Protein backbone atom coordinates (compact mmCIF):
# COMPACT_ATOMS: atom_id res chain seq x y z
CA MET A 1 100.29 -3.84 -26.96
CA VAL A 2 96.98 -2.33 -27.45
CA SER A 3 93.98 -3.75 -25.01
CA THR A 4 91.11 -4.92 -26.21
CA PRO A 5 88.02 -2.82 -25.24
CA LYS A 6 85.60 -4.15 -22.67
CA ARG A 7 82.35 -5.66 -24.02
CA VAL A 8 79.26 -6.68 -22.13
CA PRO A 9 79.12 -10.18 -23.54
CA ILE A 10 76.22 -10.54 -25.99
CA PRO A 11 73.82 -13.49 -25.09
CA LYS A 12 73.45 -16.48 -27.68
CA ASN A 13 69.84 -14.91 -28.51
CA GLY A 14 70.85 -11.56 -28.60
CA VAL A 15 72.38 -9.33 -30.86
CA ASP A 16 74.99 -6.43 -30.96
CA TYR A 17 74.09 -2.90 -31.80
CA ARG A 18 77.22 -2.03 -32.97
CA GLY A 19 77.94 -0.88 -36.45
CA LYS A 20 74.06 -1.08 -36.62
CA VAL A 21 71.83 1.60 -38.20
CA VAL A 22 68.43 0.84 -37.22
CA LEU A 23 64.66 1.98 -37.35
CA ALA A 24 63.71 3.77 -34.36
CA PRO A 25 60.77 2.60 -32.05
CA MET A 26 57.79 5.03 -32.86
CA VAL A 27 54.37 5.11 -32.11
CA ARG A 28 52.04 4.12 -34.97
CA SER A 29 55.56 3.97 -37.50
CA GLY A 30 56.60 1.19 -35.56
CA GLU A 31 54.00 -1.46 -36.57
CA LEU A 32 54.92 -4.64 -38.61
CA PRO A 33 54.53 -3.31 -41.98
CA SER A 34 57.08 -0.51 -41.37
CA ARG A 35 59.32 -2.72 -39.75
CA LEU A 36 59.12 -5.14 -42.52
CA LEU A 37 59.85 -2.75 -45.12
CA ALA A 38 62.61 -0.86 -43.38
CA LEU A 39 64.55 -4.35 -43.28
CA LYS A 40 63.63 -4.76 -46.91
CA TYR A 41 65.51 -1.25 -47.86
CA GLY A 42 68.58 -1.85 -45.48
CA ALA A 43 68.00 -1.73 -41.81
CA ASP A 44 70.03 -3.80 -39.70
CA LEU A 45 67.26 -4.04 -36.78
CA VAL A 46 64.02 -2.84 -36.11
CA TRP A 47 62.58 -1.31 -32.99
CA GLY A 48 58.89 -2.17 -32.25
CA PRO A 49 56.44 0.94 -30.99
CA GLU A 50 56.69 1.39 -27.23
CA THR A 51 54.11 -1.50 -25.66
CA VAL A 52 53.30 -0.90 -22.40
CA ASP A 53 53.43 -3.94 -19.76
CA LYS A 54 50.21 -3.86 -18.54
CA SER A 55 48.62 -3.99 -22.17
CA MET A 56 50.62 -7.11 -22.84
CA ILE A 57 50.02 -9.00 -19.45
CA GLY A 58 47.03 -10.96 -19.81
CA THR A 59 47.49 -11.62 -23.77
CA THR A 60 46.75 -14.55 -25.32
CA LYS A 61 49.74 -15.46 -27.64
CA SER A 62 48.69 -17.61 -30.99
CA PHE A 63 50.32 -18.42 -34.34
CA ASN A 64 48.24 -16.87 -37.23
CA PRO A 65 48.45 -19.10 -40.50
CA THR A 66 47.14 -16.84 -42.57
CA THR A 67 49.51 -14.15 -42.08
CA SER A 68 52.43 -16.14 -40.99
CA THR A 69 52.90 -14.00 -37.86
CA ILE A 70 52.52 -14.26 -33.99
CA ASP A 71 49.51 -12.37 -32.80
CA PHE A 72 49.36 -11.17 -28.90
CA THR A 73 45.37 -10.59 -28.38
CA ARG A 74 43.05 -10.09 -25.57
CA LEU A 75 39.39 -9.53 -25.15
CA PRO A 76 38.38 -5.77 -24.88
CA SER A 77 37.99 -4.49 -21.19
CA ASN A 78 34.68 -4.35 -19.75
CA SER A 79 32.76 -1.43 -20.38
CA SER A 80 29.11 -0.27 -19.25
CA ARG A 81 27.90 -0.51 -22.76
CA PRO A 82 26.22 -4.04 -23.91
CA GLN A 83 28.57 -6.47 -25.44
CA PRO A 84 27.82 -8.09 -28.61
CA PRO A 85 27.45 -12.26 -27.88
CA VAL A 86 30.64 -12.79 -29.89
CA GLN A 87 33.69 -10.41 -28.39
CA LYS A 88 36.26 -9.85 -31.13
CA GLU A 89 39.57 -10.01 -29.62
CA SER A 90 42.01 -6.87 -29.85
CA LEU A 91 45.22 -7.23 -31.25
CA ILE A 92 48.08 -5.85 -29.07
CA TYR A 93 51.18 -6.72 -31.00
CA ARG A 94 51.78 -8.97 -34.23
CA LEU A 95 55.38 -10.22 -35.02
CA TYR A 96 56.65 -11.93 -37.89
CA PRO A 97 59.08 -14.55 -37.18
CA ALA A 98 60.30 -15.54 -40.39
CA ARG A 99 60.92 -11.87 -41.42
CA GLU A 100 62.03 -10.42 -38.26
CA HIS A 101 64.24 -13.48 -37.08
CA GLU A 102 67.16 -11.69 -34.75
CA LYS A 103 66.24 -8.31 -36.18
CA LEU A 104 63.17 -7.16 -33.73
CA ILE A 105 63.87 -5.43 -30.38
CA PHE A 106 60.51 -5.24 -28.11
CA GLN A 107 60.06 -2.00 -26.90
CA ILE A 108 58.56 -2.03 -23.44
CA GLY A 109 56.99 1.06 -21.57
CA THR A 110 57.06 0.41 -18.17
CA ALA A 111 57.12 1.89 -14.31
CA SER A 112 57.93 -1.42 -12.29
CA PRO A 113 60.28 -4.03 -12.06
CA ALA A 114 57.46 -6.58 -11.53
CA THR A 115 55.19 -6.03 -14.32
CA ALA A 116 57.99 -5.24 -17.09
CA VAL A 117 59.22 -8.86 -16.16
CA GLU A 118 55.89 -10.55 -16.62
CA ALA A 119 55.19 -8.54 -19.73
CA ALA A 120 59.04 -9.20 -21.35
CA LYS A 121 58.50 -12.76 -20.59
CA LEU A 122 55.54 -13.19 -23.10
CA VAL A 123 57.78 -12.02 -25.96
CA ALA A 124 61.13 -12.85 -25.26
CA GLU A 125 61.29 -16.17 -26.83
CA ASN A 126 60.84 -14.35 -30.10
CA VAL A 127 62.69 -11.22 -29.95
CA ALA A 128 66.67 -10.68 -30.37
CA GLY A 129 66.07 -7.94 -27.30
CA ILE A 130 63.91 -6.09 -24.66
CA ASP A 131 64.45 -2.45 -24.88
CA VAL A 132 63.02 -0.18 -22.09
CA ASN A 133 61.41 3.27 -23.20
CA ALA A 134 62.95 5.92 -20.65
CA GLY A 135 62.41 8.98 -23.20
CA CYS A 136 58.65 9.62 -24.54
CA PRO A 137 57.78 12.95 -23.12
CA LYS A 138 53.97 12.15 -24.37
CA PRO A 139 51.71 12.30 -21.19
CA PHE A 140 50.45 8.83 -21.71
CA SER A 141 53.50 7.81 -20.98
CA THR A 142 54.98 9.89 -18.05
CA THR A 143 51.61 10.40 -16.30
CA GLY A 144 52.24 6.64 -15.48
CA GLY A 145 55.59 7.02 -14.24
CA MET A 146 56.89 5.49 -17.50
CA GLY A 147 59.08 6.88 -20.61
CA ALA A 148 60.96 10.59 -19.61
CA ALA A 149 59.33 10.11 -16.12
CA LEU A 150 61.85 7.43 -15.18
CA LEU A 151 64.75 10.18 -16.22
CA GLN A 152 63.81 11.51 -13.02
CA ASP A 153 63.67 8.63 -10.98
CA PRO A 154 67.03 6.57 -11.95
CA ASP A 155 66.85 4.13 -9.16
CA ARG A 156 63.78 3.04 -10.24
CA LEU A 157 65.25 2.74 -13.79
CA ALA A 158 68.10 0.91 -12.78
CA SER A 159 66.11 -1.48 -10.90
CA ILE A 160 63.81 -1.95 -13.80
CA LEU A 161 66.84 -2.95 -15.85
CA ILE A 162 68.71 -5.15 -13.03
CA ALA A 163 65.43 -7.19 -12.91
CA LEU A 164 64.73 -7.39 -16.67
CA VAL A 165 68.61 -8.57 -17.24
CA LYS A 166 68.38 -11.26 -14.37
CA GLU A 167 65.36 -12.43 -14.80
CA VAL A 168 64.62 -12.24 -18.62
CA GLY A 169 68.03 -11.44 -20.29
CA GLU A 170 69.60 -14.25 -18.55
CA VAL A 171 66.72 -16.92 -18.87
CA TYR A 172 66.16 -16.37 -22.66
CA GLU A 173 69.45 -15.20 -23.38
CA ILE A 174 68.66 -12.20 -25.14
CA GLY A 175 70.27 -8.35 -24.20
CA ILE A 176 68.51 -5.84 -22.47
CA SER A 177 68.95 -2.09 -23.49
CA VAL A 178 67.38 1.34 -22.42
CA LYS A 179 66.58 4.44 -24.85
CA ILE A 180 66.89 7.91 -22.42
CA ARG A 181 66.98 11.66 -23.24
CA LEU A 182 69.68 14.20 -22.28
CA LEU A 183 69.23 15.58 -18.59
CA GLU A 184 69.23 19.27 -17.71
CA THR A 185 73.01 19.42 -17.37
CA ALA A 186 75.69 17.42 -18.83
CA GLY A 187 76.67 16.50 -15.20
CA LYS A 188 73.18 14.69 -14.81
CA THR A 189 73.50 12.90 -17.98
CA GLU A 190 77.13 11.74 -16.97
CA ALA A 191 75.83 10.40 -13.76
CA LEU A 192 72.91 8.82 -15.52
CA VAL A 193 74.62 7.05 -18.01
CA ARG A 194 76.66 5.77 -15.74
CA LYS A 195 74.27 4.25 -13.15
CA LEU A 196 72.56 2.64 -16.04
CA CYS A 197 75.53 1.06 -17.98
CA SER A 198 76.20 -0.74 -14.41
CA THR A 199 72.96 -2.57 -14.74
CA GLY A 200 74.32 -5.50 -16.95
CA ILE A 201 72.55 -3.79 -20.06
CA THR A 202 74.19 -4.69 -23.59
CA GLY A 203 72.99 -1.11 -25.27
CA LEU A 204 72.07 2.09 -24.56
CA THR A 205 70.53 4.66 -26.91
CA ILE A 206 70.87 8.30 -26.58
CA HIS A 207 67.58 10.49 -28.17
CA CYS A 208 69.69 13.81 -28.37
CA ARG A 209 67.26 15.98 -27.05
CA THR A 210 65.72 16.86 -23.56
CA THR A 211 62.38 16.11 -22.44
CA PRO A 212 60.88 19.19 -23.21
CA MET A 213 62.49 19.76 -26.74
CA ARG A 214 59.82 18.38 -29.81
CA PRO A 215 60.98 16.73 -32.84
CA ARG A 216 61.12 20.54 -34.60
CA GLU A 217 63.64 21.44 -32.17
CA ARG A 218 67.64 20.59 -33.79
CA ALA A 219 69.13 17.80 -32.24
CA ILE A 220 72.18 18.36 -29.40
CA ARG A 221 74.79 16.66 -30.31
CA GLU A 222 77.54 18.05 -27.72
CA GLN A 223 77.50 15.31 -25.20
CA LEU A 224 77.41 12.52 -27.64
CA ARG A 225 81.36 11.86 -27.25
CA MET A 226 80.94 11.91 -23.53
CA ILE A 227 77.98 9.61 -23.16
CA ALA A 228 79.83 7.30 -26.21
CA ASP A 229 82.90 6.96 -24.00
CA ILE A 230 81.11 6.23 -21.11
CA CYS A 231 79.43 3.43 -22.73
CA ARG A 232 82.81 2.23 -23.93
CA GLU A 233 84.53 1.99 -20.61
CA ALA A 234 81.34 -0.16 -19.45
CA GLY A 235 81.51 -2.24 -22.45
CA VAL A 236 77.95 -1.27 -23.89
CA ALA A 237 77.18 -0.31 -26.89
CA CYS A 238 76.01 2.85 -27.81
CA LEU A 239 73.36 4.27 -30.31
CA MET A 240 72.61 7.92 -31.08
CA ASN A 241 68.77 9.11 -32.23
CA GLY A 242 67.83 12.44 -33.89
CA ASP A 243 68.05 14.27 -36.72
CA VAL A 244 69.73 11.44 -38.71
CA ARG A 245 68.47 11.43 -41.95
CA ASN A 246 69.62 8.26 -44.08
CA LYS A 247 72.27 5.44 -43.71
CA ASP A 248 74.90 7.31 -45.22
CA GLU A 249 74.56 10.23 -42.61
CA ALA A 250 73.92 7.44 -39.67
CA LEU A 251 77.35 6.10 -40.19
CA GLN A 252 78.97 9.32 -40.97
CA LEU A 253 77.73 10.34 -37.85
CA ALA A 254 78.46 7.22 -35.69
CA GLN A 255 81.96 7.69 -37.20
CA GLU A 256 82.54 11.57 -36.49
CA TYR A 257 81.15 11.32 -32.73
CA GLY A 258 82.18 7.88 -31.45
CA VAL A 259 78.99 6.17 -30.84
CA ASP A 260 78.61 2.57 -32.51
CA GLY A 261 75.59 3.07 -34.29
CA ALA A 262 72.43 5.33 -34.86
CA MET A 263 68.85 5.16 -35.45
CA ILE A 264 66.55 6.81 -37.93
CA ALA A 265 63.07 8.09 -36.95
CA THR A 266 61.17 10.74 -38.54
CA ALA A 267 63.14 10.19 -42.04
CA ALA A 268 61.80 6.27 -42.19
CA GLU A 269 58.54 7.66 -41.46
CA ALA A 270 58.44 9.64 -44.79
CA ASN A 271 60.68 6.98 -47.31
CA SER A 272 61.59 3.64 -45.94
CA SER A 273 64.32 3.37 -48.31
CA CYS A 274 66.32 5.75 -46.50
CA PHE A 275 68.13 2.97 -45.21
CA ARG A 276 69.47 2.48 -48.63
CA THR A 277 73.16 3.64 -49.09
CA GLN A 278 73.94 5.91 -52.24
CA GLU A 279 75.75 3.31 -53.36
CA GLU A 280 72.55 1.08 -53.45
CA GLY A 281 70.96 3.94 -55.36
CA GLY A 282 69.33 6.34 -52.44
CA LEU A 283 66.06 7.09 -51.99
CA LEU A 284 63.41 5.51 -54.07
CA PRO A 285 60.28 7.54 -55.65
CA TRP A 286 57.50 7.61 -53.50
CA ARG A 287 55.21 5.63 -55.61
CA GLU A 288 57.45 2.61 -55.69
CA VAL A 289 57.65 2.64 -51.70
CA VAL A 290 54.04 2.96 -51.33
CA THR A 291 53.28 -0.02 -53.78
CA GLU A 292 55.75 -2.04 -51.82
CA TYR A 293 54.11 -0.56 -48.42
CA MET A 294 50.71 -1.47 -49.47
CA LYS A 295 51.48 -4.99 -50.58
CA THR A 296 53.20 -5.76 -47.47
CA ALA A 297 50.16 -3.99 -45.30
CA LEU A 298 47.86 -6.70 -47.08
CA GLU A 299 50.18 -9.37 -46.72
CA VAL A 300 49.84 -9.26 -42.79
CA GLU A 301 46.32 -8.02 -42.59
CA ASN A 302 47.62 -4.55 -41.19
CA LYS A 303 44.77 -2.57 -39.31
CA TRP A 304 43.26 -0.23 -41.90
CA GLY A 305 43.62 3.20 -39.62
CA ASN A 306 47.40 2.55 -39.50
CA THR A 307 47.76 1.90 -42.59
CA LYS A 308 45.99 4.76 -43.85
CA PHE A 309 48.05 6.85 -41.61
CA LEU A 310 51.13 5.93 -42.93
CA LEU A 311 49.99 6.42 -46.15
CA SER A 312 49.55 9.78 -45.07
CA GLN A 313 53.29 10.09 -44.30
CA LEU A 314 54.81 8.40 -47.42
CA MET A 315 52.78 10.17 -49.99
CA PRO A 316 53.88 14.33 -50.86
CA GLY A 317 51.26 16.07 -49.39
CA LYS A 318 50.85 18.76 -52.36
CA ALA A 319 50.33 15.62 -54.90
CA GLU A 320 46.09 15.67 -55.94
CA ILE A 321 46.41 11.88 -55.41
CA PHE A 322 47.26 12.36 -52.04
CA ARG A 323 44.12 14.01 -51.20
CA LYS A 324 42.04 11.20 -53.16
CA VAL A 325 44.23 8.61 -51.01
CA THR A 326 43.09 10.48 -47.50
CA GLY A 327 39.63 10.37 -48.64
CA CYS A 328 39.63 6.53 -49.17
CA LYS A 329 37.40 4.08 -46.96
CA SER A 330 38.66 0.80 -47.69
CA TYR A 331 42.11 -0.85 -48.99
CA ARG A 332 39.81 -1.77 -52.12
CA GLN A 333 39.66 1.94 -52.72
CA VAL A 334 43.16 2.94 -52.16
CA CYS A 335 44.42 0.19 -54.61
CA GLU A 336 41.77 1.68 -57.36
CA VAL A 337 43.10 5.34 -56.89
CA LEU A 338 47.00 4.17 -57.01
CA GLU A 339 45.79 1.76 -59.71
CA LEU A 340 47.22 -1.12 -57.97
CA ASP A 341 45.47 -3.73 -60.19
CA ASP A 342 47.43 -6.50 -59.25
CA LEU A 343 46.34 -5.71 -55.38
CA LEU A 344 42.92 -5.41 -55.89
CA ASP A 345 41.75 -8.94 -55.24
CA MET A 346 43.41 -9.10 -52.24
CA ALA A 347 42.39 -5.94 -50.92
CA LYS A 348 39.02 -7.18 -51.05
CA ASP A 349 39.47 -10.22 -49.52
CA VAL A 350 41.50 -8.27 -46.50
CA ASP A 351 39.06 -5.56 -46.24
CA GLU A 352 36.19 -8.50 -45.81
CA LYS A 353 38.40 -10.16 -43.22
CA LEU A 354 38.72 -7.11 -41.23
CA GLY A 355 35.15 -5.84 -41.08
CA ILE A 356 35.82 -2.70 -43.20
CA ASP A 357 32.63 -1.25 -43.82
CA GLU A 358 32.87 1.54 -46.27
CA GLN A 359 29.38 3.37 -45.59
CA LYS A 360 30.74 3.33 -41.81
CA GLU A 361 34.10 4.93 -42.93
CA THR A 362 31.84 7.51 -44.68
CA LYS A 363 29.83 8.43 -41.81
CA ALA A 364 33.10 8.80 -39.59
CA MET A 365 34.84 10.75 -41.77
CA LYS A 366 32.15 13.17 -41.93
CA LYS A 367 31.76 13.63 -38.39
CA ALA A 368 35.63 14.06 -37.47
CA LYS A 369 35.18 16.74 -40.95
CA HIS A 370 32.59 18.49 -38.80
CA GLN A 371 34.22 18.55 -35.53
CA ASN A 372 37.37 20.03 -37.10
CA LYS A 373 35.62 22.59 -38.98
CA SER A 374 34.24 23.58 -35.35
CA GLY A 375 37.92 23.32 -34.28
CA GLN A 376 39.13 25.97 -37.45
CA ALA A 377 36.32 27.99 -35.89
CA ALA A 378 37.59 28.26 -32.44
CA GLY A 379 41.15 28.23 -33.04
CA GLY A 380 42.13 28.24 -36.64
CA ASN A 381 42.93 25.57 -39.30
CA MET A 382 45.57 23.39 -37.01
CA SER A 383 45.68 20.52 -39.33
CA SER A 384 47.10 23.15 -42.28
CA GLN A 385 49.25 24.45 -39.85
CA ARG A 386 50.97 20.95 -38.94
CA THR A 387 51.17 20.41 -42.96
CA ILE A 388 53.39 23.58 -43.15
CA ASP A 389 55.46 22.85 -39.90
CA LYS A 390 56.15 19.01 -41.34
CA GLU A 391 57.09 20.19 -44.82
CA LYS A 392 59.24 22.71 -43.24
CA ARG A 393 61.36 20.14 -41.18
CA SER A 394 61.06 17.01 -43.41
CA PRO A 395 64.66 16.18 -45.27
CA PHE A 396 62.27 15.06 -48.30
CA SER A 397 60.02 17.70 -49.17
CA GLU A 398 62.11 19.25 -51.52
CA ARG A 399 62.58 15.79 -53.31
CA GLY A 400 59.11 15.43 -53.50
CA VAL A 401 58.89 12.84 -51.05
CA GLY A 402 57.32 15.07 -48.11
CA THR A 403 54.93 14.10 -45.91
CA GLY A 404 50.95 14.49 -45.46
CA MET A 405 48.77 16.19 -43.19
CA ALA A 406 48.65 14.19 -39.84
CA MET A 407 50.58 15.15 -36.90
CA PRO A 408 54.09 13.70 -36.98
CA THR A 409 55.02 10.48 -35.03
CA MET A 410 56.64 10.82 -31.74
CA ALA A 411 59.47 8.68 -31.65
CA VAL A 412 60.03 7.01 -28.41
């Protein structure tokens, strides 16, 4: 008689990570338009970008009838500069209930059980799960004791997960999960995974790199089967992350290493249609993906700076039109350059709503260009080197779907 594998119960409003290929949490590339595009092309779940607990605490939650989104906003913090009579609230987080329902995982950056719980409660009723970021190696995260810093303080990390399971997961009936990196040795990784799997979490994602490693370095998969076995013993779903290029490869790797699913990060940043299987047609041409992205960004009135950054990732850097788009200062100009005439009126309307000043953008670009030239004089053309590095490691560069000049987004 075959025994049934142990499984931590999936809460009523939660989601089982098993059998899923999902969008990884990425700073900048995990904002709403990118998530919606990934879902459109076949992602089973989407992680939002790491959102620090203290930035969420004190926000105002409201429904935006124009964009059909739920927005979490707050007034800017006090500064020495004179404030305008009417202050514009800053958008901290935006989600789309109708299109992300039961698909969105909120990733939280935290170093404290108390603040983690306080922040998670604000969004818990609108998401399918809360995921703790215990893997980001960037200083903005680790200097506050968050991200990869938690890997060196397993007791604190476990206490955060236990608090979230008890005070958020059980109350709102959603799952709590964690995303970690490999430790210095397989023995340390094993001990950490065992500790975390005993906290009541429903899922664990392992980024197959150590903290010092960077995206250009090849993922380490030798420990995957061991980690998957520990998770299976505890009844916890296990996802893998690192160098997964498309949905077909994700499913193949999951089967090969015995994990329950996989995350796609950089490849999704370069072309969201990587979530389409070969049977479904595989990767779409970049122009089709960019058009869909622009339409989605306009529909949700996405921040202009974020949209411009993502366009630089979705377009081939060697194309002449890439240089034209990177020189654009508004949604209107992008639509004109890309000849998206049917989106032009919407673009003008969104520019006005967001207060995009093309002349102000021009001044800002000139200042940035001047600073860049100064940096080149001091230390060489770093921007060009980043372009070369990124094209070398992009799985799409040979297919005309390469990325642009900006620095790679860090999967957290």
